[in-house]
Amino acid sequence: MGHFILKRLWYGILVLFGVIVVVFFLFNILPGDPARMMLGQRADVASVDAINKDLGRDKPLPLQFLNYLNDLSPVSIHNTSNKDNFWFLDPTKYGKTLKLLSVGNSVLVLKEPYLRRSYQSKRNVTEILAEGFVNTIILAVVAMAFAILLGISIGIICAIYKNSFIDRAALVFSVLGMSLPSFFVAILNAWIFAFVLVRYTGLNMSGSLYGVDDFGGGTYLELKNLILPAFTLGIRPLAIIVELTRNSLLEVMTQDYIRTAKAKGLSKPRIILKHALKNALNPVVTAVSGWLASLLAGAVFVEFVFDWKGIGVVIVGALDKYDFPVVMGAVLFISIILIIINFFVDIIYGLLDPRIRLQ
């Protein structure tokens, strides 16, 4: 088990390193001068050079990449004496650090990964993403919980009543749910439920988790604003989970141990819930793991349509303003979540299916 965990961690680190390489070089070869974006097109040459020096863009690209890796690494090497040094340990950038080893003017420290600063707001990218991540993770978890609970329930019903009207209607819904793009479904749901049927639903076309009191100036929880974005974001995984649960359960029901359970006189609900469903959930777990991470990326369109203040809105705003550090940080953040989820999925496999054990 320990060997397996170390092996999966090593694979995850390699994948993350590949993402870092692609993200860094992709955004650093794109046209555009960040200093000009920050200061405006009428900025003088001296100001532009000063900004580029502060950002480290006056150094060769390989050296910039090494510094980027050093900033991202929790354990990094810095200079402590020369403020003009490219590797200077600036407390305004790195925050609190823990000194591990000191040799002369160089020090090995333990710190939080530094994702650089926004070109526009000058704020730390980590702070910007942290604000949006809370809303995005709430939206993704609610959407996934809705898709899992409803999808597995409908899938079981479809498997029990195979080829019935319910089964065929669920198949039609699944095809529509998987084929319609998220941005189109978001616009359609906003128009139907928040415009045409607004007198019955009372839902808003846009809004975040917290509303602002026009009189007191404080904030209050607005849970109804979560309904439409979560429903829209959960439609596609819901459709897939319904089909996977149905097909996998039908396949498991033909196995020998299910026939043995029937021969023992066990009731059908007990056979399905206690014996068949557990082994039928392997493909569902795979879909859920992939979709939970994908929802964080796919939420960009849904959040933009419903003006949900999450990472999606942050990414769209950063792309619109060419704020590359924010976009780079968001891509790395989502990649890390995907790697972590895939790591835990392999462990869950062994818990769900007795035939699959981690050696």
Foldseek 3Di string as FASTA:
>chain_A
DVVLLVVLVVVLVVVLVVLLVCLLVVLVPDDDQLQCLLPPVPDDPVSSVVVCLVLVVVDDPVVNSVVLVQLQDQKHKAFDPDPSDPRHPDCVQFPDWAWDDDDVRMTIIGTHRFLAAWSHPRHGLVVLQVVQAVQLLVLLVLLLVVLQVLQLVLLVVCLVVPPDPSVVVLLVLLVVLQPDALLVLLVVLLCVDAPVVCVPRVAHQADEQWDADPPPRHIDGDCSLSPSLSNSLNSNSSSVSSVLSNVLLNVQCPDPVVVVCVVVVDDPVCSSPPPRNLVSCLVVLVSSLVSSLVSSVSCLSNCVRRVYRHLSVVCVVCVVSVRSSNVSVSSSVSSSSSSVSVSVSLVVVVVRDVVDHDD
